Protein backbone atom coordinates (compact mmCIF):
# COMPACT_ATOMS: atom_id res chain seq x y z
CA MET A 1 33.46 82.34 -4.46
CA SER A 2 30.36 80.18 -4.82
CA LEU A 3 31.81 78.61 -8.01
CA ARG A 4 34.87 77.40 -6.11
CA ARG A 5 32.71 75.68 -3.52
CA ARG A 6 30.60 73.86 -6.13
CA GLN A 7 31.23 70.06 -5.98
CA THR A 8 32.72 68.73 -9.20
CA GLY A 9 33.26 65.01 -8.23
CA LEU A 10 33.93 62.41 -5.52
CA SER A 11 37.05 61.93 -3.54
CA LEU A 12 38.68 58.49 -3.35
CA VAL A 13 37.56 58.09 0.25
CA GLU A 14 33.95 58.86 -0.61
CA LEU A 15 34.05 56.41 -3.50
CA MET A 16 35.41 53.62 -1.31
CA VAL A 17 32.80 54.29 1.38
CA SER A 18 29.97 54.15 -1.17
CA ILE A 19 31.31 50.90 -2.68
CA THR A 20 31.59 49.37 0.79
CA LEU A 21 28.01 50.34 1.66
CA GLY A 22 26.79 48.93 -1.66
CA LEU A 23 28.58 45.62 -1.03
CA ILE A 24 27.07 45.39 2.45
CA ILE A 25 23.57 45.94 1.05
CA LEU A 26 24.20 43.45 -1.79
CA SER A 27 25.49 40.87 0.68
CA GLY A 28 22.37 41.28 2.77
CA VAL A 29 20.15 40.80 -0.27
CA LEU A 30 22.17 37.72 -1.28
CA VAL A 31 21.85 36.19 2.21
CA VAL A 32 18.08 36.76 2.15
CA PHE A 33 17.86 35.16 -1.31
CA VAL A 34 19.92 32.12 -0.27
CA ASN A 35 17.90 31.59 2.92
CA THR A 36 14.62 31.99 1.08
CA SER A 37 15.72 29.53 -1.59
CA ALA A 38 16.82 27.01 1.03
CA ALA A 39 13.54 27.38 2.91
CA ARG A 40 11.59 26.93 -0.31
CA ASN A 41 13.54 23.75 -1.16
CA GLU A 42 12.90 22.38 2.33
CA VAL A 43 9.19 23.12 2.02
CA GLU A 44 9.12 21.35 -1.35
CA ARG A 45 10.89 18.29 0.07
CA THR A 46 8.53 18.12 3.03
CA SER A 47 5.46 18.71 0.87
CA ARG A 48 6.46 15.83 -1.38
CA GLN A 49 6.99 13.59 1.63
CA ILE A 50 3.54 14.49 3.01
CA GLU A 51 1.96 13.87 -0.38
CA ASN A 52 3.71 10.49 -0.71
CA GLY A 53 2.69 9.43 2.80
CA ARG A 54 -0.94 10.37 2.26
CA TYR A 55 -1.06 8.74 -1.16
CA ALA A 56 0.40 5.49 0.21
CA THR A 57 -2.16 5.58 3.01
CA GLU A 58 -5.01 6.05 0.54
CA LEU A 59 -3.81 3.19 -1.69
CA LEU A 60 -3.53 0.75 1.19
CA THR A 61 -6.78 1.84 2.80
CA GLU A 62 -8.79 1.36 -0.39
CA ASP A 63 -7.38 -2.10 -1.14
CA LEU A 64 -7.61 -3.35 2.45
CA ARG A 65 -11.20 -2.17 2.76
CA LEU A 66 -12.16 -4.19 -0.33
CA ALA A 67 -10.35 -7.41 0.62
CA GLY A 68 -12.68 -10.37 0.20
CA PHE A 69 -15.00 -8.62 -2.27
CA TYR A 70 -16.37 -10.93 -4.98
CA GLY A 71 -19.46 -9.11 -6.16
CA GLU A 72 -22.56 -11.30 -6.14
CA LEU A 73 -20.72 -14.39 -4.91
CA ASN A 74 -21.77 -15.76 -1.53
CA VAL A 75 -18.31 -16.38 -0.12
CA GLY A 76 -19.79 -17.94 3.01
CA SER A 77 -21.09 -20.86 0.93
CA ILE A 78 -17.59 -21.84 -0.21
CA VAL A 79 -15.82 -24.50 1.79
CA ALA A 80 -12.65 -23.16 3.35
CA PRO A 81 -9.33 -24.74 2.33
CA GLY A 82 -7.75 -27.32 4.57
CA ALA A 83 -4.86 -25.06 5.58
CA LEU A 84 -3.49 -21.57 5.21
CA PRO A 85 -2.09 -21.08 1.66
CA ALA A 86 1.54 -22.10 1.81
CA ASP A 87 2.44 -20.31 -1.42
CA PRO A 88 0.35 -17.19 -2.08
CA CYS A 89 2.16 -16.75 -5.41
CA SER A 90 0.86 -20.01 -6.85
CA LEU A 91 -0.33 -19.77 -10.46
CA THR A 92 -2.65 -22.78 -10.14
CA VAL A 93 -6.30 -21.92 -10.79
CA ALA A 94 -7.48 -24.61 -8.39
CA ASN A 95 -5.58 -22.84 -5.59
CA TRP A 96 -7.16 -19.49 -6.47
CA ASN A 97 -10.59 -21.08 -6.13
CA ALA A 98 -9.76 -22.76 -2.86
CA TRP A 99 -8.36 -19.54 -1.36
CA ILE A 100 -11.37 -17.32 -2.04
CA PRO A 101 -12.47 -17.48 1.65
CA VAL A 102 -8.96 -16.36 2.74
CA HIS A 103 -9.31 -12.66 1.98
CA MET A 104 -5.97 -11.69 3.54
CA GLN A 105 -2.65 -13.16 4.57
CA GLY A 106 0.40 -11.46 6.05
CA TYR A 107 4.05 -12.10 6.85
CA ASP A 108 5.30 -10.36 9.96
CA ASN A 109 8.74 -8.89 9.17
CA GLY A 110 8.72 -11.05 6.03
CA VAL A 111 9.13 -14.26 8.05
CA GLY A 112 8.02 -17.31 6.04
CA LEU A 113 8.34 -15.79 2.57
CA ALA A 114 11.49 -17.77 1.83
CA ALA A 115 9.37 -20.92 1.63
CA THR A 116 7.21 -19.46 -1.18
CA THR A 117 7.77 -18.78 -4.88
CA CYS A 118 7.12 -15.06 -4.38
CA VAL A 119 9.87 -12.83 -5.76
CA LEU A 120 9.78 -9.56 -3.85
CA SER A 121 12.44 -7.37 -5.39
CA ASN A 122 15.03 -6.26 -2.80
CA LEU A 123 12.65 -6.67 0.14
CA ARG A 124 13.57 -4.29 2.97
CA PRO A 125 14.53 -6.28 6.11
CA ASN A 126 12.17 -6.29 9.10
CA THR A 127 9.21 -4.85 7.19
CA ASP A 128 5.82 -6.53 6.86
CA VAL A 129 4.25 -8.04 3.76
CA VAL A 130 0.51 -8.42 3.18
CA VAL A 131 -1.45 -10.38 0.56
CA ILE A 132 -4.91 -9.16 -0.47
CA ARG A 133 -7.37 -11.25 -2.52
CA ARG A 134 -10.53 -9.88 -4.11
CA ALA A 135 -12.35 -9.14 -7.36
CA ARG A 136 -12.44 -5.80 -9.15
CA THR A 137 -15.39 -3.66 -8.14
CA CYS A 138 -16.53 -3.11 -11.74
CA VAL A 139 -17.69 -5.64 -14.32
CA ALA A 140 -15.34 -6.08 -17.27
CA GLY A 141 -16.38 -3.95 -20.23
CA VAL A 142 -19.13 -2.09 -18.35
CA ALA A 143 -19.30 1.59 -17.30
CA GLY A 144 -15.72 2.46 -18.15
CA CYS A 145 -14.22 -0.77 -16.79
CA ALA A 146 -11.61 -2.32 -19.07
CA ALA A 147 -12.81 -5.18 -21.25
CA ALA A 148 -11.74 -8.72 -20.42
CA ALA A 149 -8.24 -9.43 -21.71
CA ASN A 150 -7.00 -12.85 -22.82
CA GLY A 151 -4.81 -14.59 -20.32
CA ARG A 152 -5.89 -12.54 -17.30
CA PRO A 153 -7.86 -14.11 -14.43
CA TYR A 154 -11.58 -13.40 -13.97
CA VAL A 155 -14.39 -14.59 -11.74
CA GLN A 156 -17.94 -15.02 -13.05
CA VAL A 157 -20.88 -15.48 -10.67
CA SER A 158 -24.11 -17.15 -11.73
CA LEU A 159 -27.38 -15.28 -11.12
CA CYS A 160 -29.46 -18.17 -12.44
CA GLY A 161 -31.12 -20.25 -9.71
CA THR A 162 -30.92 -23.50 -11.68
CA GLN A 163 -27.15 -23.53 -12.19
CA VAL A 164 -25.53 -25.69 -9.57
CA THR A 165 -22.02 -24.23 -9.78
CA ALA A 166 -22.22 -20.74 -8.31
CA HIS A 167 -19.13 -19.31 -9.96
CA LYS A 168 -16.28 -19.89 -12.38
CA LEU A 169 -12.73 -18.61 -11.87
CA GLY A 170 -10.00 -18.88 -14.44
CA LEU A 171 -8.19 -17.29 -17.35
CA GLU A 172 -9.96 -15.36 -20.09
CA GLY A 173 -9.75 -17.24 -23.35
CA THR A 174 -10.21 -20.67 -21.79
CA ALA A 175 -12.73 -22.43 -24.04
CA GLY A 176 -16.14 -23.04 -22.48
CA LEU A 177 -15.12 -21.77 -19.04
CA PHE A 178 -17.24 -18.67 -18.47
CA ASP A 179 -20.77 -20.01 -19.03
CA ARG A 180 -22.55 -18.70 -15.91
CA GLN A 181 -25.88 -17.08 -16.70
CA LYS A 182 -27.94 -14.10 -15.57
CA LYS A 183 -31.35 -14.35 -13.88
CA SER A 184 -33.01 -15.18 -17.18
CA CYS A 185 -31.14 -18.51 -17.20
CA ASP A 186 -30.73 -18.04 -20.93
CA ALA A 187 -27.59 -19.71 -22.23
CA ALA A 188 -26.98 -16.69 -24.44
CA ASP A 189 -27.43 -14.22 -21.58
CA LEU A 190 -24.13 -14.60 -19.75
CA ALA A 191 -23.30 -13.00 -16.41
CA GLY A 192 -20.61 -10.36 -16.22
CA LYS A 193 -17.02 -11.09 -15.22
CA ARG A 194 -14.87 -9.30 -12.70
CA GLU A 195 -11.09 -9.41 -12.79
CA TYR A 196 -9.64 -11.56 -10.03
CA LEU A 197 -6.99 -9.63 -8.10
CA VAL A 198 -4.19 -10.81 -5.86
CA ARG A 199 -1.96 -7.99 -4.65
CA ILE A 200 1.07 -8.29 -2.40
CA TYR A 201 2.32 -5.09 -0.74
CA PHE A 202 5.91 -4.74 0.48
CA VAL A 203 8.73 -2.23 0.86
CA SER A 204 11.77 -2.47 -1.41
CA ASN A 205 15.20 -0.92 -0.88
CA ASP A 206 15.09 0.55 -4.40
CA ASN A 207 12.50 2.23 -6.58
CA GLY A 208 12.65 -0.25 -9.44
CA ALA A 209 14.60 2.19 -11.60
CA GLY A 210 18.05 1.51 -10.17
CA GLN A 211 17.94 4.22 -7.51
CA ASN A 212 18.57 3.40 -3.86
CA VAL A 213 15.30 4.88 -2.59
CA PRO A 214 13.02 2.82 -0.29
CA THR A 215 9.71 2.38 -2.10
CA LEU A 216 6.31 0.88 -1.41
CA MET A 217 5.83 -1.80 -4.08
CA ARG A 218 3.02 -4.08 -5.17
CA LEU A 219 3.21 -7.51 -6.74
CA GLU A 220 0.18 -8.01 -9.02
CA LEU A 221 -1.14 -11.28 -10.45
CA ASN A 222 -1.47 -11.05 -14.25
CA GLY A 223 -2.59 -14.63 -14.88
CA ALA A 224 0.61 -16.14 -16.24
CA GLY A 225 2.88 -14.53 -13.65
CA TRP A 226 3.42 -11.45 -11.52
CA ASP A 227 4.11 -7.80 -12.24
CA THR A 228 6.17 -5.72 -9.83
CA VAL A 229 4.71 -2.20 -9.66
CA PRO A 230 6.51 0.66 -7.83
CA LEU A 231 3.88 2.74 -6.02
CA VAL A 232 5.31 5.39 -3.68
CA GLU A 233 8.92 6.44 -3.12
CA GLY A 234 10.28 7.34 0.30
CA ILE A 235 8.36 4.68 2.28
CA GLU A 236 10.99 2.94 4.39
CA GLU A 237 8.97 1.14 7.10
CA PHE A 238 5.70 -0.83 6.88
CA GLN A 239 4.11 -2.52 9.90
CA LEU A 240 0.65 -4.02 10.39
CA GLN A 241 -1.52 -5.27 13.23
CA TYR A 242 -4.64 -7.32 12.52
CA GLY A 243 -7.93 -7.11 14.37
CA ILE A 244 -9.31 -10.61 14.97
CA ASP A 245 -13.01 -11.28 15.57
CA THR A 246 -13.18 -14.09 18.10
CA ASP A 247 -16.94 -14.14 18.78
CA GLY A 248 -18.36 -13.73 15.27
CA ASP A 249 -20.00 -10.33 15.68
CA GLY A 250 -17.93 -8.55 13.02
CA ALA A 251 -15.93 -6.44 15.51
CA PRO A 252 -12.29 -7.07 16.47
CA ASP A 253 -11.71 -8.55 19.92
CA GLU A 254 -7.93 -8.78 19.81
CA TYR A 255 -5.07 -7.34 17.76
CA ALA A 256 -1.99 -9.29 16.72
CA ALA A 257 1.00 -8.63 14.51
CA ASP A 258 0.87 -12.24 13.32
CA PRO A 259 -2.49 -14.03 13.56
CA SER A 260 -0.75 -17.23 12.41
CA ALA A 261 1.15 -17.32 15.70
CA VAL A 262 -1.79 -16.25 17.86
CA PRO A 263 -4.84 -18.38 17.09
CA ILE A 264 -6.64 -16.72 20.01
CA ALA A 265 -10.07 -18.32 19.81
CA ALA A 266 -9.59 -20.21 16.57
CA PRO A 267 -8.02 -23.68 16.51
CA THR A 268 -5.85 -23.06 13.42
CA PRO A 269 -3.83 -20.23 11.84
CA LEU A 270 -6.14 -20.46 8.83
CA LEU A 271 -9.22 -19.59 10.89
CA SER A 272 -7.34 -16.80 12.64
CA TRP A 273 -6.67 -15.15 9.28
CA MET A 274 -10.24 -15.74 8.13
CA ASN A 275 -11.39 -13.97 11.31
CA VAL A 276 -9.42 -10.79 10.54
CA VAL A 277 -11.94 -7.93 10.21
CA THR A 278 -9.77 -4.83 10.68
CA VAL A 279 -6.18 -3.84 9.91
CA GLN A 280 -4.08 -1.12 11.50
CA PHE A 281 -1.03 -0.17 9.48
CA HIS A 282 1.87 2.21 10.07
CA LEU A 283 4.09 3.76 7.40
CA LEU A 284 7.29 5.69 7.94
CA ALA A 285 7.81 8.13 5.06
CA ARG A 286 10.97 10.15 4.54
CA ASN A 287 12.06 13.02 2.30
CA LEU A 288 13.70 11.89 -0.92
CA GLU A 289 16.71 14.17 -0.31
CA THR A 290 18.60 14.98 2.86
CA SER A 291 18.16 18.35 4.55
CA PRO A 292 21.40 20.37 4.95
CA ASN A 293 22.77 20.47 8.51
CA TYR A 294 19.97 18.21 9.76
CA VAL A 295 20.32 14.86 11.57
CA ASP A 296 17.22 12.86 12.48
CA THR A 297 17.61 11.81 16.12
CA LYS A 298 13.98 10.83 16.65
CA THR A 299 12.66 7.40 17.60
CA TYR A 300 9.49 6.41 15.78
CA VAL A 301 6.91 3.98 17.17
CA LEU A 302 5.19 1.81 14.57
CA GLY A 303 2.66 -0.23 16.52
CA LYS A 304 3.28 -3.50 18.37
CA ASP A 305 5.31 -6.55 17.50
CA ALA A 306 4.23 -10.18 17.90
CA ALA A 307 5.28 -10.10 21.58
CA GLY A 308 3.21 -6.99 22.28
CA ASN A 309 6.18 -4.63 22.56
CA ASP A 310 6.43 -1.26 20.79
CA ILE A 311 8.16 -1.39 17.41
CA GLN A 312 10.71 1.40 17.71
CA VAL A 313 12.84 2.64 14.83
CA THR A 314 15.66 5.19 15.03
CA PRO A 315 16.84 5.54 11.42
CA GLY A 316 19.12 8.59 11.83
CA GLN A 317 20.74 10.23 8.77
CA GLY A 318 19.73 13.61 7.39
CA PHE A 319 16.20 12.82 6.18
CA ARG A 320 13.08 14.36 7.67
CA ARG A 321 10.41 11.76 8.39
CA HIS A 322 6.81 11.31 9.47
CA VAL A 323 4.67 8.35 10.59
CA TYR A 324 1.34 7.74 8.88
CA SER A 325 -1.15 5.40 10.56
CA SER A 326 -4.63 4.23 9.70
CA LEU A 327 -7.22 1.77 10.99
CA VAL A 328 -9.25 0.06 8.26
CA ARG A 329 -12.37 -2.04 8.59
CA ILE A 330 -12.46 -4.84 6.03
CA ALA A 331 -16.02 -4.32 4.91
CA ASN A 332 -16.86 -7.66 3.32
CA PRO A 333 -15.76 -10.27 5.90
CA ALA A 334 -16.78 -7.95 8.74
CA GLY A 335 -20.15 -7.14 7.17
CA ARG A 336 -21.03 -10.80 6.72
CA ARG A 337 -20.74 -11.24 10.48
CA ASP A 338 -22.78 -8.20 11.51
CA THR A 339 -25.76 -9.00 13.68
CA PRO A 340 -28.83 -6.73 13.95
């Protein structure tokens, strides 16, 4: 009797029930896997955007802080040019020398660039452009700094008290140019040279590799021309406000999006730019890929425009975004004005 009751297999109904339960469990596992994978991809996209935004902020902060640095050169002893540089992309050495006191120059929403020889690849409309002039912080060929290269621009500052000309600026390889001496005043004991840098920051609609990705770019002076260097992808907005020192104490008294148009206490646009001691910049960074089922409906505020109104941007689309802002003190022109 017990042998008849022993189970020898599964009925069709039992088999179908077990298959159904297995499919339900498998579907649940699959849903969890898909959701986890999607969440991981979103985290990766956002993490890259955060990294790009922070890296762009660090790059700009470092270069802005060093604007107007020329090592041992007493910039205050150099006679200022007669007017604001009309073409910051000039390749004339005489212009480079004349513009040393003009540590910075900007173009609000790119206005005015059309009158220059600057070629800013696919400049994004209504974004700012800034020009920074300075020398490299290290001496060529010393302590890991690259040796002087023929054809590139350098500045050499005399440390000898008997040499009348305080500095020389020009291209490496120019015969007899770099003859400034050290304190020994020995003709064979030449002072070090620092590379002369002019860098122009802007936002392009592409990344320089044929992809339609807004990118923070930099135009770099190489002596004979300019190199366009892609820096950070995903930067789609760039706005700046400049802190102007109107009383000569090294601290900003007024902020303006375009000091050229607001010579507050200075009689000329040139002096307004020479009085810039701080810069506040705003970057809008986005993910490089869209997020599924997401539409950006936010309005982002990126400082003030030339009229003092908020700069508001509502880009839309399916990209997640974040605003990065920083206030930078330009150490060299500000420090020269500090009073005890």
